[in-house]
């Protein structure tokens, strides 16, 4: 099942909110259990993010075929890679 446009908008809204980091991954997984969720450090992902936020890079994951891959096409996205960025102080 692909990520719906309304779901992607809600995900982006949550990630754009101040202090999203402490709760983002858990809350998003609970709200959208039908999506594949992966979290990692932003330095672990070499692809250009679909969207970037203060604390996270958002990558779209296409796991519909045999091998999962990062995509920039929301219509093909079946999941999210949430890559935590280093917070600069």
C-alpha atoms as a PDB file:
ATOM      1  CA  UNK A   1       0.000   0.000   0.000  1.00  0.00           C
ATOM      2  CA  UNK A   2       1.463   3.346  -1.058  1.00  0.00           C
ATOM      3  CA  UNK A   3       1.712   6.359   1.206  1.00  0.00           C
ATOM      4  CA  UNK A   4      -1.373   8.522   0.626  1.00  0.00           C
ATOM      5  CA  UNK A   5      -0.848  12.237   0.011  1.00  0.00           C
ATOM      6  CA  UNK A   6      -2.785  13.119   3.173  1.00  0.00           C
ATOM      7  CA  UNK A   7      -0.620  10.735   5.205  1.00  0.00           C
ATOM      8  CA  UNK A   8       2.558  12.244   3.797  1.00  0.00           C
ATOM      9  CA  UNK A   9       1.280  15.719   4.673  1.00  0.00           C
ATOM     10  CA  UNK A  10       0.584  14.616   8.273  1.00  0.00           C
ATOM     11  CA  UNK A  11       4.031  13.032   8.552  1.00  0.00           C
ATOM     12  CA  UNK A  12       5.693  16.186   7.245  1.00  0.00           C
ATOM     13  CA  UNK A  13       3.662  18.348   9.629  1.00  0.00           C
ATOM     14  CA  UNK A  14       4.729  16.275  12.623  1.00  0.00           C
ATOM     15  CA  UNK A  15       8.398  16.314  11.617  1.00  0.00           C
ATOM     16  CA  UNK A  16       8.295  20.088  11.105  1.00  0.00           C
ATOM     17  CA  UNK A  17       6.989  20.711  14.612  1.00  0.00           C
ATOM     18  CA  UNK A  18       9.393  21.955  17.286  1.00  0.00           C
ATOM     19  CA  UNK A  19      10.852  19.208  19.462  1.00  0.00           C
ATOM     20  CA  UNK A  20       9.587  16.459  17.164  1.00  0.00           C
ATOM     21  CA  UNK A  21      12.525  14.158  17.902  1.00  0.00           C
ATOM     22  CA  UNK A  22      11.593  12.664  21.267  1.00  0.00           C
ATOM     23  CA  UNK A  23       8.309  11.252  20.055  1.00  0.00           C
ATOM     24  CA  UNK A  24       8.278  11.310  16.259  1.00  0.00           C
ATOM     25  CA  UNK A  25       9.275   7.745  15.391  1.00  0.00           C
ATOM     26  CA  UNK A  26       7.033   6.055  17.948  1.00  0.00           C
ATOM     27  CA  UNK A  27       4.014   8.250  17.255  1.00  0.00           C
ATOM     28  CA  UNK A  28       4.325   7.930  13.488  1.00  0.00           C
ATOM     29  CA  UNK A  29       4.632   4.130  13.684  1.00  0.00           C
ATOM     30  CA  UNK A  30       1.529   4.000  15.878  1.00  0.00           C
ATOM     31  CA  UNK A  31      -0.461   6.344  13.644  1.00  0.00           C
ATOM     32  CA  UNK A  32       0.543   4.645  10.371  1.00  0.00           C
ATOM     33  CA  UNK A  33       1.087   0.945  11.206  1.00  0.00           C
ATOM     34  CA  UNK A  34       0.480  -0.142   7.606  1.00  0.00           C
ATOM     35  CA  UNK A  35       3.691   1.597   6.481  1.00  0.00           C
ATOM     36  CA  UNK A  36       7.190   0.191   6.742  1.00  0.00           C
ATOM     37  CA  UNK A  37       9.265   2.327   9.144  1.00  0.00           C
ATOM     38  CA  UNK A  38      13.045   2.436   9.373  1.00  0.00           C
ATOM     39  CA  UNK A  39      15.014   4.801  11.566  1.00  0.00           C
ATOM     40  CA  UNK A  40      18.709   5.503  11.327  1.00  0.00           C
ATOM     41  CA  UNK A  41      21.303   8.219  11.522  1.00  0.00           C
ATOM     42  CA  UNK A  42      21.260  10.640   8.584  1.00  0.00           C
ATOM     43  CA  UNK A  43      24.903   9.819   7.875  1.00  0.00           C
ATOM     44  CA  UNK A  44      23.854   6.235   7.090  1.00  0.00           C
ATOM     45  CA  UNK A  45      21.831   7.293   4.040  1.00  0.00           C
ATOM     46  CA  UNK A  46      23.605   8.557   0.933  1.00  0.00           C
ATOM     47  CA  UNK A  47      20.511   9.355  -1.159  1.00  0.00           C
ATOM     48  CA  UNK A  48      19.095  12.864  -1.286  1.00  0.00           C
ATOM     49  CA  UNK A  49      16.199  13.184   1.170  1.00  0.00           C
ATOM     50  CA  UNK A  50      12.656  13.618  -0.097  1.00  0.00           C
ATOM     51  CA  UNK A  51      12.286  16.343   2.549  1.00  0.00           C
ATOM     52  CA  UNK A  52      14.590  17.717   5.242  1.00  0.00           C
ATOM     53  CA  UNK A  53      13.551  19.076   8.612  1.00  0.00           C
ATOM     54  CA  UNK A  54      15.489  20.511  11.543  1.00  0.00           C
ATOM     55  CA  UNK A  55      16.031  17.131  13.190  1.00  0.00           C
ATOM     56  CA  UNK A  56      15.215  14.599  10.474  1.00  0.00           C
ATOM     57  CA  UNK A  57      15.675  13.745   6.828  1.00  0.00           C
ATOM     58  CA  UNK A  58      12.647  12.022   5.351  1.00  0.00           C
ATOM     59  CA  UNK A  59      13.265   9.370   2.698  1.00  0.00           C
ATOM     60  CA  UNK A  60      10.561   7.424   0.905  1.00  0.00           C
ATOM     61  CA  UNK A  61      10.970   3.659   0.784  1.00  0.00           C
ATOM     62  CA  UNK A  62       9.700   1.509  -2.080  1.00  0.00           C
ATOM     63  CA  UNK A  63       9.424  -2.073  -0.856  1.00  0.00           C
ATOM     64  CA  UNK A  64       6.846  -3.236  -3.388  1.00  0.00           C
ATOM     65  CA  UNK A  65       9.325  -5.206  -5.484  1.00  0.00           C
ATOM     66  CA  UNK A  66      11.764  -7.902  -4.429  1.00  0.00           C
ATOM     67  CA  UNK A  67      14.366  -5.419  -3.120  1.00  0.00           C
ATOM     68  CA  UNK A  68      13.590  -2.312  -1.107  1.00  0.00           C
ATOM     69  CA  UNK A  69      14.994   0.985  -2.357  1.00  0.00           C
ATOM     70  CA  UNK A  70      14.795   4.711  -1.713  1.00  0.00           C
ATOM     71  CA  UNK A  71      12.443   6.506  -4.094  1.00  0.00           C
ATOM     72  CA  UNK A  72      11.466  10.124  -4.694  1.00  0.00           C
ATOM     73  CA  UNK A  73       8.050   9.071  -6.005  1.00  0.00           C
ATOM     74  CA  UNK A  74       5.330   9.198  -3.319  1.00  0.00           C
ATOM     75  CA  UNK A  75       3.090   7.012  -5.503  1.00  0.00           C
ATOM     76  CA  UNK A  76       5.650   4.174  -5.201  1.00  0.00           C
ATOM     77  CA  UNK A  77       6.442   4.709  -1.512  1.00  0.00           C
ATOM     78  CA  UNK A  78       5.349   1.935   0.834  1.00  0.00           C
ATOM     79  CA  UNK A  79       7.330   3.155   3.795  1.00  0.00           C
ATOM     80  CA  UNK A  80       9.470   5.807   5.383  1.00  0.00           C
ATOM     81  CA  UNK A  81      13.125   6.032   6.326  1.00  0.00           C
ATOM     82  CA  UNK A  82      13.400   8.511   9.163  1.00  0.00           C
ATOM     83  CA  UNK A  83      17.028   9.624   9.341  1.00  0.00           C
ATOM     84  CA  UNK A  84      17.956  11.602  12.443  1.00  0.00           C
ATOM     85  CA  UNK A  85      20.178  14.568  11.762  1.00  0.00           C
ATOM     86  CA  UNK A  86      22.840  15.766  14.163  1.00  0.00           C
ATOM     87  CA  UNK A  87      21.448  18.730  16.049  1.00  0.00           C
ATOM     88  CA  UNK A  88      23.836  21.656  16.043  1.00  0.00           C
ATOM     89  CA  UNK A  89      24.112  23.605  19.246  1.00  0.00           C
END
